[in-house]
Amino acid sequence: MKQKVAVLHGIPNCDTVKRARAWIADQGVDHAFHDFKKAGVPEDRLLAWLASAGWETLLNRKGSTWRKLDESTRAAVVDAASAAALMRAHPSVVKRPVVDWPDGATTVGFEVAQFECHC
């Protein structure tokens, strides 16, 4: 069964997530919000995101969580399995937002042109 609403995954205090949520609301897109901090990263979706976007795209190496990790932890992320393990342990290293659209597509990050394709 196809989902009827977009599901925006992220962290509520992330500025990019805030912009994406505001844009979606302004467009009148029916959506739900999944909070990584409260509900964690959904395992089934994480595996699907890794398969569709790739671990390099999904891993946020620019954020403060990544920068705060020790060098050996960062160096150990070498493939999808090690990236997934880190994302489960530290949901803030997932690039945000991740949106599962009703059309079956998934986007990572916020770009208006990319979002417009799914509205």
PDB file of N, CA and C in Angstrom:
ATOM      1  N   MET A   1       0.842  -1.174   0.000  1.00  0.00           N
ATOM      2  CA  MET A   1       0.000   0.000   0.000  1.00  0.00           C
ATOM      3  C   MET A   1       0.894   1.246   0.000  1.00  0.00           C
ATOM      4  N   LYS A   2       0.586   2.200  -0.821  1.00  0.00           N
ATOM      5  CA  LYS A   2       1.346   3.427  -0.949  1.00  0.00           C
ATOM      6  C   LYS A   2       0.984   4.387   0.184  1.00  0.00           C
ATOM      7  N   GLN A   3       2.007   5.050   0.751  1.00  0.00           N
ATOM      8  CA  GLN A   3       1.725   6.037   1.793  1.00  0.00           C
ATOM      9  C   GLN A   3       1.017   7.238   1.175  1.00  0.00           C
ATOM     10  N   LYS A   4       0.170   7.879   1.952  1.00  0.00           N
ATOM     11  CA  LYS A   4      -0.626   8.991   1.448  1.00  0.00           C
ATOM     12  C   LYS A   4      -0.043  10.361   1.807  1.00  0.00           C
ATOM     13  N   VAL A   5       0.880  10.396   2.744  1.00  0.00           N
ATOM     14  CA  VAL A   5       1.467  11.663   3.160  1.00  0.00           C
ATOM     15  C   VAL A   5       2.992  11.572   3.080  1.00  0.00           C
ATOM     16  N   ALA A   6       3.618  12.724   2.932  1.00  0.00           N
ATOM     17  CA  ALA A   6       5.070  12.785   3.003  1.00  0.00           C
ATOM     18  C   ALA A   6       5.473  12.621   4.467  1.00  0.00           C
ATOM     19  N   VAL A   7       6.588  11.948   4.693  1.00  0.00           N
ATOM     20  CA  VAL A   7       7.125  11.833   6.050  1.00  0.00           C
ATOM     21  C   VAL A   7       8.493  12.488   6.040  1.00  0.00           C
ATOM     22  N   LEU A   8       8.607  13.569   6.806  1.00  0.00           N
ATOM     23  CA  LEU A   8       9.853  14.304   6.909  1.00  0.00           C
ATOM     24  C   LEU A   8      10.551  13.841   8.184  1.00  0.00           C
ATOM     25  N   HIS A   9      11.754  13.309   8.021  1.00  0.00           N
ATOM     26  CA  HIS A   9      12.534  12.775   9.132  1.00  0.00           C
ATOM     27  C   HIS A   9      13.643  13.759   9.469  1.00  0.00           C
ATOM     28  N   GLY A  10      13.835  14.022  10.750  1.00  0.00           N
ATOM     29  CA  GLY A  10      14.911  14.921  11.131  1.00  0.00           C
ATOM     30  C   GLY A  10      14.901  15.242  12.603  1.00  0.00           C
ATOM     31  N   ILE A  11      15.509  16.368  12.923  1.00  0.00           N
ATOM     32  CA  ILE A  11      15.626  16.848  14.290  1.00  0.00           C
ATOM     33  C   ILE A  11      14.994  18.231  14.324  1.00  0.00           C
ATOM     34  N   PRO A  12      14.064  18.471  15.258  1.00  0.00           N
ATOM     35  CA  PRO A  12      13.299  19.716  15.216  1.00  0.00           C
ATOM     36  C   PRO A  12      14.105  20.999  15.336  1.00  0.00           C
ATOM     37  N   ASN A  13      15.250  20.970  16.003  1.00  0.00           N
ATOM     38  CA  ASN A  13      16.020  22.207  16.161  1.00  0.00           C
ATOM     39  C   ASN A  13      17.038  22.443  15.054  1.00  0.00           C
ATOM     40  N   CYS A  14      17.095  21.568  14.053  1.00  0.00           N
ATOM     41  CA  CYS A  14      17.997  21.721  12.905  1.00  0.00           C
ATOM     42  C   CYS A  14      17.443  22.810  11.984  1.00  0.00           C
ATOM     43  N   ASP A  15      18.265  23.801  11.654  1.00  0.00           N
ATOM     44  CA  ASP A  15      17.806  24.909  10.817  1.00  0.00           C
ATOM     45  C   ASP A  15      17.329  24.446   9.442  1.00  0.00           C
ATOM     46  N   THR A  16      18.013  23.478   8.855  1.00  0.00           N
ATOM     47  CA  THR A  16      17.601  22.978   7.542  1.00  0.00           C
ATOM     48  C   THR A  16      16.258  22.272   7.636  1.00  0.00           C
ATOM     49  N   VAL A  17      16.058  21.520   8.686  1.00  0.00           N
ATOM     50  CA  VAL A  17      14.769  20.853   8.901  1.00  0.00           C
ATOM     51  C   VAL A  17      13.672  21.892   9.106  1.00  0.00           C
ATOM     52  N   LYS A  18      13.959  22.926   9.858  1.00  0.00           N
ATOM     53  CA  LYS A  18      12.973  23.990  10.066  1.00  0.00           C
ATOM     54  C   LYS A  18      12.564  24.623   8.741  1.00  0.00           C
ATOM     55  N   ARG A  19      13.549  24.917   7.879  1.00  0.00           N
ATOM     56  CA  ARG A  19      13.238  25.507   6.568  1.00  0.00           C
ATOM     57  C   ARG A  19      12.414  24.553   5.717  1.00  0.00           C
ATOM     58  N   ALA A  20      12.774  23.278   5.731  1.00  0.00           N
ATOM     59  CA  ALA A  20      12.044  22.281   4.939  1.00  0.00           C
ATOM     60  C   ALA A  20      10.614  22.120   5.442  1.00  0.00           C
ATOM     61  N   ARG A  21      10.446  22.062   6.750  1.00  0.00           N
ATOM     62  CA  ARG A  21       9.097  21.935   7.316  1.00  0.00           C
ATOM     63  C   ARG A  21       8.247  23.152   6.975  1.00  0.00           C
ATOM     64  N   ALA A  22       8.833  24.335   7.049  1.00  0.00           N
ATOM     65  CA  ALA A  22       8.093  25.560   6.711  1.00  0.00           C
ATOM     66  C   ALA A  22       7.709  25.561   5.234  1.00  0.00           C
ATOM     67  N   TRP A  23       8.619  25.153   4.373  1.00  0.00           N
ATOM     68  CA  TRP A  23       8.337  25.131   2.942  1.00  0.00           C
ATOM     69  C   TRP A  23       7.209  24.150   2.636  1.00  0.00           C
ATOM     70  N   ILE A  24       7.291  22.959   3.200  1.00  0.00           N
ATOM     71  CA  ILE A  24       6.252  21.943   2.977  1.00  0.00           C
ATOM     72  C   ILE A  24       4.898  22.453   3.470  1.00  0.00           C
ATOM     73  N   ALA A  25       4.880  23.059   4.650  1.00  0.00           N
ATOM     74  CA  ALA A  25       3.625  23.589   5.196  1.00  0.00           C
ATOM     75  C   ALA A  25       3.081  24.702   4.299  1.00  0.00           C
ATOM     76  N   ASP A  26       3.954  25.585   3.825  1.00  0.00           N
ATOM     77  CA  ASP A  26       3.525  26.682   2.947  1.00  0.00           C
ATOM     78  C   ASP A  26       2.933  26.174   1.637  1.00  0.00           C
ATOM     79  N   GLN A  27       3.389  25.002   1.194  1.00  0.00           N
ATOM     80  CA  GLN A  27       2.878  24.420  -0.049  1.00  0.00           C
ATOM     81  C   GLN A  27       1.586  23.633   0.169  1.00  0.00           C
ATOM     82  N   GLY A  28       1.203  23.455   1.424  1.00  0.00           N
ATOM     83  CA  GLY A  28      -0.006  22.707   1.736  1.00  0.00           C
ATOM     84  C   GLY A  28       0.153  21.206   1.582  1.00  0.00           C
ATOM     85  N   VAL A  29       1.387  20.725   1.658  1.00  0.00           N
ATOM     86  CA  VAL A  29       1.654  19.288   1.508  1.00  0.00           C
ATOM     87  C   VAL A  29       1.280  18.575   2.805  1.00  0.00           C
ATOM     88  N   ASP A  30       0.435  17.561   2.682  1.00  0.00           N
ATOM     89  CA  ASP A  30       0.059  16.748   3.835  1.00  0.00           C
ATOM     90  C   ASP A  30       1.293  15.949   4.248  1.00  0.00           C
ATOM     91  N   HIS A  31       1.741  16.119   5.502  1.00  0.00           N
ATOM     92  CA  HIS A  31       2.967  15.458   5.928  1.00  0.00           C
ATOM     93  C   HIS A  31       2.959  15.151   7.425  1.00  0.00           C
ATOM     94  N   ALA A  32       3.848  14.256   7.776  1.00  0.00           N
ATOM     95  CA  ALA A  32       4.085  13.893   9.172  1.00  0.00           C
ATOM     96  C   ALA A  32       5.558  14.158   9.458  1.00  0.00           C
ATOM     97  N   PHE A  33       5.879  14.354  10.732  1.00  0.00           N
ATOM     98  CA  PHE A  33       7.269  14.581  11.128  1.00  0.00           C
ATOM     99  C   PHE A  33       7.733  13.445  12.016  1.00  0.00           C
ATOM    100  N   HIS A  34       8.883  12.870  11.676  1.00  0.00           N
ATOM    101  CA  HIS A  34       9.501  11.821  12.489  1.00  0.00           C
ATOM    102  C   HIS A  34      10.752  12.413  13.129  1.00  0.00           C
ATOM    103  N   ASP A  35      10.755  12.506  14.446  1.00  0.00           N
ATOM    104  CA  ASP A  35      11.839  13.110  15.212  1.00  0.00           C
ATOM    105  C   ASP A  35      12.885  12.056  15.565  1.00  0.00           C
ATOM    106  N   PHE A  36      14.080  12.184  14.963  1.00  0.00           N
ATOM    107  CA  PHE A  36      15.165  11.248  15.252  1.00  0.00           C
ATOM    108  C   PHE A  36      15.545  11.249  16.732  1.00  0.00           C
ATOM    109  N   LYS A  37      15.480  12.406  17.380  1.00  0.00           N
ATOM    110  CA  LYS A  37      15.887  12.489  18.783  1.00  0.00           C
ATOM    111  C   LYS A  37      14.942  11.711  19.697  1.00  0.00           C
ATOM    112  N   LYS A  38      13.642  11.790  19.412  1.00  0.00           N
ATOM    113  CA  LYS A  38      12.658  11.110  20.261  1.00  0.00           C
ATOM    114  C   LYS A  38      12.403   9.670  19.833  1.00  0.00           C
ATOM    115  N   ALA A  39      12.359   9.425  18.535  1.00  0.00           N
ATOM    116  CA  ALA A  39      11.947   8.107  18.049  1.00  0.00           C
ATOM    117  C   ALA A  39      13.081   7.300  17.413  1.00  0.00           C
ATOM    118  N   GLY A  40      14.264   7.888  17.304  1.00  0.00           N
ATOM    119  CA  GLY A  40      15.382   7.185  16.688  1.00  0.00           C
ATOM    120  C   GLY A  40      15.240   7.117  15.172  1.00  0.00           C
ATOM    121  N   VAL A  41      16.207   6.490  14.561  1.00  0.00           N
ATOM    122  CA  VAL A  41      16.196   6.300  13.116  1.00  0.00           C
ATOM    123  C   VAL A  41      15.457   4.998  12.833  1.00  0.00           C
ATOM    124  N   PRO A  42      14.372   5.051  12.042  1.00  0.00           N
ATOM    125  CA  PRO A  42      13.622   3.819  11.775  1.00  0.00           C
ATOM    126  C   PRO A  42      14.455   2.838  10.938  1.00  0.00           C
ATOM    127  N   GLU A  43      14.665   1.657  11.478  1.00  0.00           N
ATOM    128  CA  GLU A  43      15.556   0.674  10.863  1.00  0.00           C
ATOM    129  C   GLU A  43      15.183   0.351   9.414  1.00  0.00           C
ATOM    130  N   ASP A  44      13.907   0.099   9.163  1.00  0.00           N
ATOM    131  CA  ASP A  44      13.505  -0.261   7.800  1.00  0.00           C
ATOM    132  C   ASP A  44      13.759   0.886   6.827  1.00  0.00           C
ATOM    133  N   ARG A  45      13.532   2.104   7.272  1.00  0.00           N
ATOM    134  CA  ARG A  45      13.760   3.265   6.407  1.00  0.00           C
ATOM    135  C   ARG A  45      15.257   3.505   6.220  1.00  0.00           C
ATOM    136  N   LEU A  46      16.047   3.329   7.269  1.00  0.00           N
ATOM    137  CA  LEU A  46      17.493   3.521   7.156  1.00  0.00           C
ATOM    138  C   LEU A  46      18.059   2.619   6.065  1.00  0.00           C
ATOM    139  N   LEU A  47      17.661   1.371   6.071  1.00  0.00           N
ATOM    140  CA  LEU A  47      18.160   0.438   5.054  1.00  0.00           C
ATOM    141  C   LEU A  47      17.718   0.854   3.654  1.00  0.00           C
ATOM    142  N   ALA A  48      16.484   1.339   3.536  1.00  0.00           N
ATOM    143  CA  ALA A  48      15.986   1.800   2.233  1.00  0.00           C
ATOM    144  C   ALA A  48      16.739   3.056   1.788  1.00  0.00           C
ATOM    145  N   TRP A  49      16.993   3.983   2.718  1.00  0.00           N
ATOM    146  CA  TRP A  49      17.723   5.206   2.374  1.00  0.00           C
ATOM    147  C   TRP A  49      19.139   4.888   1.930  1.00  0.00           C
ATOM    148  N   LEU A  50      19.790   3.982   2.632  1.00  0.00           N
ATOM    149  CA  LEU A  50      21.145   3.591   2.260  1.00  0.00           C
ATOM    150  C   LEU A  50      21.162   2.974   0.864  1.00  0.00           C
ATOM    151  N   ALA A  51      20.142   2.172   0.570  1.00  0.00           N
ATOM    152  CA  ALA A  51      20.059   1.532  -0.745  1.00  0.00           C
ATOM    153  C   ALA A  51      19.789   2.550  -1.854  1.00  0.00           C
ATOM    154  N   SER A  52      18.940   3.531  -1.577  1.00  0.00           N
ATOM    155  CA  SER A  52      18.569   4.466  -2.644  1.00  0.00           C
ATOM    156  C   SER A  52      19.522   5.657  -2.758  1.00  0.00           C
ATOM    157  N   ALA A  53      19.954   6.224  -1.644  1.00  0.00           N
ATOM    158  CA  ALA A  53      20.781   7.435  -1.689  1.00  0.00           C
ATOM    159  C   ALA A  53      22.273   7.140  -1.557  1.00  0.00           C
ATOM    160  N   GLY A  54      22.589   6.028  -0.904  1.00  0.00           N
ATOM    161  CA  GLY A  54      23.986   5.702  -0.650  1.00  0.00           C
ATOM    162  C   GLY A  54      24.453   6.264   0.682  1.00  0.00           C
ATOM    163  N   TRP A  55      25.363   5.572   1.310  1.00  0.00           N
ATOM    164  CA  TRP A  55      25.803   5.977   2.641  1.00  0.00           C
ATOM    165  C   TRP A  55      26.568   7.295   2.632  1.00  0.00           C
ATOM    166  N   GLU A  56      27.302   7.562   1.534  1.00  0.00           N
ATOM    167  CA  GLU A  56      28.066   8.806   1.467  1.00  0.00           C
ATOM    168  C   GLU A  56      27.160  10.033   1.464  1.00  0.00           C
ATOM    169  N   THR A  57      25.997   9.923   0.805  1.00  0.00           N
ATOM    170  CA  THR A  57      25.033  11.017   0.754  1.00  0.00           C
ATOM    171  C   THR A  57      24.326  11.168   2.095  1.00  0.00           C
ATOM    172  N   LEU A  58      23.998  10.059   2.721  1.00  0.00           N
ATOM    173  CA  LEU A  58      23.215  10.063   3.949  1.00  0.00           C
ATOM    174  C   LEU A  58      24.024  10.469   5.178  1.00  0.00           C
ATOM    175  N   LEU A  59      25.320  10.304   5.130  1.00  0.00           N
ATOM    176  CA  LEU A  59      26.182  10.618   6.277  1.00  0.00           C
ATOM    177  C   LEU A  59      26.539  12.104   6.272  1.00  0.00           C
ATOM    178  N   ASN A  60      26.184  12.796   7.345  1.00  0.00           N
ATOM    179  CA  ASN A  60      26.440  14.233   7.460  1.00  0.00           C
ATOM    180  C   ASN A  60      27.809  14.461   8.100  1.00  0.00           C
ATOM    181  N   ARG A  61      28.798  14.681   7.260  1.00  0.00           N
ATOM    182  CA  ARG A  61      30.159  14.915   7.760  1.00  0.00           C
ATOM    183  C   ARG A  61      30.419  16.383   8.073  1.00  0.00           C
ATOM    184  N   LYS A  62      29.425  17.252   7.849  1.00  0.00           N
ATOM    185  CA  LYS A  62      29.611  18.677   8.096  1.00  0.00           C
ATOM    186  C   LYS A  62      29.065  19.115   9.456  1.00  0.00           C
ATOM    187  N   GLY A  63      28.279  18.280  10.093  1.00  0.00           N
ATOM    188  CA  GLY A  63      27.624  18.658  11.342  1.00  0.00           C
ATOM    189  C   GLY A  63      28.501  18.543  12.568  1.00  0.00           C
ATOM    190  N   SER A  64      28.028  19.140  13.640  1.00  0.00           N
ATOM    191  CA  SER A  64      28.791  19.144  14.890  1.00  0.00           C
ATOM    192  C   SER A  64      28.913  17.750  15.497  1.00  0.00           C
ATOM    193  N   THR A  65      27.905  16.903  15.309  1.00  0.00           N
ATOM    194  CA  THR A  65      27.995  15.547  15.872  1.00  0.00           C
ATOM    195  C   THR A  65      29.171  14.803  15.266  1.00  0.00           C
ATOM    196  N   TRP A  66      29.319  14.873  13.954  1.00  0.00           N
ATOM    197  CA  TRP A  66      30.446  14.218  13.270  1.00  0.00           C
ATOM    198  C   TRP A  66      31.775  14.788  13.779  1.00  0.00           C
ATOM    199  N   ARG A  67      31.860  16.095  13.860  1.00  0.00           N
ATOM    200  CA  ARG A  67      33.111  16.731  14.282  1.00  0.00           C
ATOM    201  C   ARG A  67      33.481  16.374  15.724  1.00  0.00           C
ATOM    202  N   LYS A  68      32.487  16.108  16.551  1.00  0.00           N
ATOM    203  CA  LYS A  68      32.752  15.763  17.950  1.00  0.00           C
ATOM    204  C   LYS A  68      33.182  14.307  18.148  1.00  0.00           C
ATOM    205  N   LEU A  69      32.962  13.474  17.139  1.00  0.00           N
ATOM    206  CA  LEU A  69      33.373  12.073  17.249  1.00  0.00           C
ATOM    207  C   LEU A  69      34.892  11.980  17.228  1.00  0.00           C
ATOM    208  N   ASP A  70      35.423  10.987  17.945  1.00  0.00           N
ATOM    209  CA  ASP A  70      36.875  10.833  17.928  1.00  0.00           C
ATOM    210  C   ASP A  70      37.325  10.320  16.557  1.00  0.00           C
ATOM    211  N   GLU A  71      38.569  10.553  16.263  1.00  0.00           N
ATOM    212  CA  GLU A  71      39.120  10.232  14.936  1.00  0.00           C
ATOM    213  C   GLU A  71      38.974   8.744  14.596  1.00  0.00           C
ATOM    214  N   SER A  72      39.161   7.874  15.567  1.00  0.00           N
ATOM    215  CA  SER A  72      39.058   6.441  15.269  1.00  0.00           C
ATOM    216  C   SER A  72      37.626   6.053  14.896  1.00  0.00           C
ATOM    217  N   THR A  73      36.639   6.679  15.525  1.00  0.00           N
ATOM    218  CA  THR A  73      35.239   6.403  15.179  1.00  0.00           C
ATOM    219  C   THR A  73      34.945   6.880  13.767  1.00  0.00           C
ATOM    220  N   ARG A  74      35.404   8.084  13.427  1.00  0.00           N
ATOM    221  CA  ARG A  74      35.192   8.607  12.069  1.00  0.00           C
ATOM    222  C   ARG A  74      35.904   7.746  11.045  1.00  0.00           C
ATOM    223  N   ALA A  75      37.121   7.329  11.347  1.00  0.00           N
ATOM    224  CA  ALA A  75      37.902   6.525  10.402  1.00  0.00           C
ATOM    225  C   ALA A  75      37.299   5.145  10.175  1.00  0.00           C
ATOM    226  N   ALA A  76      36.522   4.662  11.137  1.00  0.00           N
ATOM    227  CA  ALA A  76      35.915   3.337  11.018  1.00  0.00           C
ATOM    228  C   ALA A  76      34.716   3.305  10.066  1.00  0.00           C
ATOM    229  N   VAL A  77      34.231   4.469   9.645  1.00  0.00           N
ATOM    230  CA  VAL A  77      33.089   4.520   8.722  1.00  0.00           C
ATOM    231  C   VAL A  77      33.629   4.416   7.310  1.00  0.00           C
ATOM    232  N   VAL A  78      33.519   3.203   6.760  1.00  0.00           N
ATOM    233  CA  VAL A  78      34.115   2.926   5.452  1.00  0.00           C
ATOM    234  C   VAL A  78      33.140   2.329   4.433  1.00  0.00           C
ATOM    235  N   ASP A  79      31.940   1.989   4.905  1.00  0.00           N
ATOM    236  CA  ASP A  79      30.967   1.375   4.002  1.00  0.00           C
ATOM    237  C   ASP A  79      29.563   1.550   4.577  1.00  0.00           C
ATOM    238  N   ALA A  80      28.567   1.020   3.868  1.00  0.00           N
ATOM    239  CA  ALA A  80      27.175   1.189   4.292  1.00  0.00           C
ATOM    240  C   ALA A  80      26.913   0.581   5.668  1.00  0.00           C
ATOM    241  N   ALA A  81      27.497  -0.570   5.948  1.00  0.00           N
ATOM    242  CA  ALA A  81      27.253  -1.229   7.239  1.00  0.00           C
ATOM    243  C   ALA A  81      27.815  -0.408   8.397  1.00  0.00           C
ATOM    244  N   SER A  82      29.034   0.097   8.254  1.00  0.00           N
ATOM    245  CA  SER A  82      29.623   0.882   9.342  1.00  0.00           C
ATOM    246  C   SER A  82      28.928   2.247   9.470  1.00  0.00           C
ATOM    247  N   ALA A  83      28.501   2.813   8.352  1.00  0.00           N
ATOM    248  CA  ALA A  83      27.758   4.082   8.406  1.00  0.00           C
ATOM    249  C   ALA A  83      26.414   3.866   9.093  1.00  0.00           C
ATOM    250  N   ALA A  84      25.732   2.776   8.772  1.00  0.00           N
ATOM    251  CA  ALA A  84      24.432   2.481   9.391  1.00  0.00           C
ATOM    252  C   ALA A  84      24.576   2.299  10.894  1.00  0.00           C
ATOM    253  N   ALA A  85      25.617   1.606  11.325  1.00  0.00           N
ATOM    254  CA  ALA A  85      25.840   1.396  12.765  1.00  0.00           C
ATOM    255  C   ALA A  85      26.039   2.742  13.466  1.00  0.00           C
ATOM    256  N   LEU A  86      26.805   3.631  12.844  1.00  0.00           N
ATOM    257  CA  LEU A  86      27.024   4.948  13.433  1.00  0.00           C
ATOM    258  C   LEU A  86      25.727   5.752  13.471  1.00  0.00           C
ATOM    259  N   MET A  87      24.925   5.682  12.409  1.00  0.00           N
ATOM    260  CA  MET A  87      23.659   6.419  12.341  1.00  0.00           C
ATOM    261  C   MET A  87      22.665   5.920  13.388  1.00  0.00           C
ATOM    262  N   ARG A  88      22.692   4.630  13.672  1.00  0.00           N
ATOM    263  CA  ARG A  88      21.823   4.103  14.729  1.00  0.00           C
ATOM    264  C   ARG A  88      22.254   4.630  16.090  1.00  0.00           C
ATOM    265  N   ALA A  89      23.556   4.676  16.313  1.00  0.00           N
ATOM    266  CA  ALA A  89      24.087   5.120  17.598  1.00  0.00           C
ATOM    267  C   ALA A  89      24.013   6.638  17.772  1.00  0.00           C
ATOM    268  N   HIS A  90      24.149   7.367  16.674  1.00  0.00           N
ATOM    269  CA  HIS A  90      24.169   8.833  16.695  1.00  0.00           C
ATOM    270  C   HIS A  90      23.264   9.358  15.582  1.00  0.00           C
ATOM    271  N   PRO A  91      21.945   9.399  15.798  1.00  0.00           N
ATOM    272  CA  PRO A  91      21.016   9.819  14.742  1.00  0.00           C
ATOM    273  C   PRO A  91      21.331  11.198  14.149  1.00  0.00           C
ATOM    274  N   SER A  92      22.021  12.036  14.873  1.00  0.00           N
ATOM    275  CA  SER A  92      22.342  13.371  14.365  1.00  0.00           C
ATOM    276  C   SER A  92      23.354  13.355  13.226  1.00  0.00           C
ATOM    277  N   VAL A  93      23.990  12.223  12.957  1.00  0.00           N
ATOM    278  CA  VAL A  93      24.914  12.170  11.818  1.00  0.00           C
ATOM    279  C   VAL A  93      24.200  11.859  10.507  1.00  0.00           C
ATOM    280  N   VAL A  94      22.888  11.667  10.566  1.00  0.00           N
ATOM    281  CA  VAL A  94      22.115  11.487   9.331  1.00  0.00           C
ATOM    282  C   VAL A  94      21.878  12.873   8.737  1.00  0.00           C
ATOM    283  N   LYS A  95      22.214  13.029   7.457  1.00  0.00           N
ATOM    284  CA  LYS A  95      21.963  14.312   6.800  1.00  0.00           C
ATOM    285  C   LYS A  95      20.465  14.556   6.783  1.00  0.00           C
ATOM    286  N   ARG A  96      20.089  15.800   7.066  1.00  0.00           N
ATOM    287  CA  ARG A  96      18.679  16.106   7.234  1.00  0.00           C
ATOM    288  C   ARG A  96      18.245  17.222   6.301  1.00  0.00           C
ATOM    289  N   PRO A  97      16.943  17.226   6.056  1.00  0.00           N
ATOM    290  CA  PRO A  97      15.951  16.195   6.355  1.00  0.00           C
ATOM    291  C   PRO A  97      16.011  15.057   5.337  1.00  0.00           C
ATOM    292  N   VAL A  98      15.466  13.937   5.735  1.00  0.00           N
ATOM    293  CA  VAL A  98      15.208  12.850   4.806  1.00  0.00           C
ATOM    294  C   VAL A  98      13.695  12.819   4.656  1.00  0.00           C
ATOM    295  N   VAL A  99      13.220  12.890   3.420  1.00  0.00           N
ATOM    296  CA  VAL A  99      11.778  12.907   3.187  1.00  0.00           C
ATOM    297  C   VAL A  99      11.390  11.706   2.346  1.00  0.00           C
ATOM    298  N   ASP A 100      10.434  10.939   2.856  1.00  0.00           N
ATOM    299  CA  ASP A 100       9.809   9.858   2.094  1.00  0.00           C
ATOM    300  C   ASP A 100       8.535  10.446   1.504  1.00  0.00           C
ATOM    301  N   TRP A 101       8.499  10.575   0.192  1.00  0.00           N
ATOM    302  CA  TRP A 101       7.379  11.205  -0.503  1.00  0.00           C
ATOM    303  C   TRP A 101       6.305  10.194  -0.861  1.00  0.00           C
ATOM    304  N   PRO A 102       5.060  10.629  -0.985  1.00  0.00           N
ATOM    305  CA  PRO A 102       3.974   9.708  -1.355  1.00  0.00           C
ATOM    306  C   PRO A 102       4.190   9.014  -2.702  1.00  0.00           C
ATOM    307  N   ASP A 103       4.991   9.632  -3.595  1.00  0.00           N
ATOM    308  CA  ASP A 103       5.239   9.007  -4.897  1.00  0.00           C
ATOM    309  C   ASP A 103       6.285   7.890  -4.829  1.00  0.00           C
ATOM    310  N   GLY A 104       6.791   7.619  -3.616  1.00  0.00           N
ATOM    311  CA  GLY A 104       7.764   6.547  -3.436  1.00  0.00           C
ATOM    312  C   GLY A 104       9.213   7.021  -3.453  1.00  0.00           C
ATOM    313  N   ALA A 105       9.444   8.269  -3.809  1.00  0.00           N
ATOM    314  CA  ALA A 105      10.804   8.807  -3.841  1.00  0.00           C
ATOM    315  C   ALA A 105      11.267   9.187  -2.445  1.00  0.00           C
ATOM    316  N   THR A 106      12.575   9.267  -2.289  1.00  0.00           N
ATOM    317  CA  THR A 106      13.192   9.735  -1.057  1.00  0.00           C
ATOM    318  C   THR A 106      14.189  10.823  -1.419  1.00  0.00           C
ATOM    319  N   THR A 107      14.167  11.922  -0.667  1.00  0.00           N
ATOM    320  CA  THR A 107      15.159  12.972  -0.856  1.00  0.00           C
ATOM    321  C   THR A 107      15.941  13.155   0.431  1.00  0.00           C
ATOM    322  N   VAL A 108      17.189  13.583   0.275  1.00  0.00           N
ATOM    323  CA  VAL A 108      18.076  13.834   1.418  1.00  0.00           C
ATOM    324  C   VAL A 108      18.557  15.274   1.315  1.00  0.00           C
ATOM    325  N   GLY A 109      18.356  16.044   2.384  1.00  0.00           N
ATOM    326  CA  GLY A 109      18.700  17.455   2.366  1.00  0.00           C
ATOM    327  C   GLY A 109      17.506  18.267   1.875  1.00  0.00           C
ATOM    328  N   PHE A 110      17.684  19.580   1.839  1.00  0.00           N
ATOM    329  CA  PHE A 110      16.590  20.454   1.417  1.00  0.00           C
ATOM    330  C   PHE A 110      17.026  21.347   0.269  1.00  0.00           C
ATOM    331  N   GLU A 111      16.400  21.121  -0.872  1.00  0.00           N
ATOM    332  CA  GLU A 111      16.532  21.985  -2.039  1.00  0.00           C
ATOM    333  C   GLU A 111      15.132  22.160  -2.600  1.00  0.00           C
ATOM    334  N   VAL A 112      14.708  23.406  -2.767  1.00  0.00           N
ATOM    335  CA  VAL A 112      13.346  23.684  -3.226  1.00  0.00           C
ATOM    336  C   VAL A 112      13.041  22.961  -4.534  1.00  0.00           C
ATOM    337  N   ALA A 113      13.946  23.022  -5.494  1.00  0.00           N
ATOM    338  CA  ALA A 113      13.701  22.387  -6.793  1.00  0.00           C
ATOM    339  C   ALA A 113      13.459  20.888  -6.652  1.00  0.00           C
ATOM    340  N   GLN A 114      14.204  20.271  -5.767  1.00  0.00           N
ATOM    341  CA  GLN A 114      14.052  18.838  -5.522  1.00  0.00           C
ATOM    342  C   GLN A 114      12.691  18.549  -4.872  1.00  0.00           C
ATOM    343  N   PHE A 115      12.294  19.373  -3.919  1.00  0.00           N
ATOM    344  CA  PHE A 115      11.026  19.186  -3.237  1.00  0.00           C
ATOM    345  C   PHE A 115       9.861  19.429  -4.199  1.00  0.00           C
ATOM    346  N   GLU A 116       9.976  20.433  -5.056  1.00  0.00           N
ATOM    347  CA  GLU A 116       8.898  20.756  -5.981  1.00  0.00           C
ATOM    348  C   GLU A 116       8.560  19.585  -6.905  1.00  0.00           C
ATOM    349  N   CYS A 117       9.522  18.767  -7.194  1.00  0.00           N
ATOM    350  CA  CYS A 117       9.307  17.608  -8.078  1.00  0.00           C
ATOM    351  C   CYS A 117       8.345  16.590  -7.470  1.00  0.00           C
ATOM    352  N   HIS A 118       8.145  16.640  -6.169  1.00  0.00           N
ATOM    353  CA  HIS A 118       7.344  15.625  -5.486  1.00  0.00           C
ATOM    354  C   HIS A 118       6.039  16.153  -4.921  1.00  0.00           C
ATOM    355  N   CYS A 119       5.791  17.437  -5.111  1.00  0.00           N
ATOM    356  CA  CYS A 119       4.562  18.040  -4.563  1.00  0.00           C
ATOM    357  C   CYS A 119       3.421  18.007  -5.571  1.00  0.00           C
TER     358      CYS A 119
END
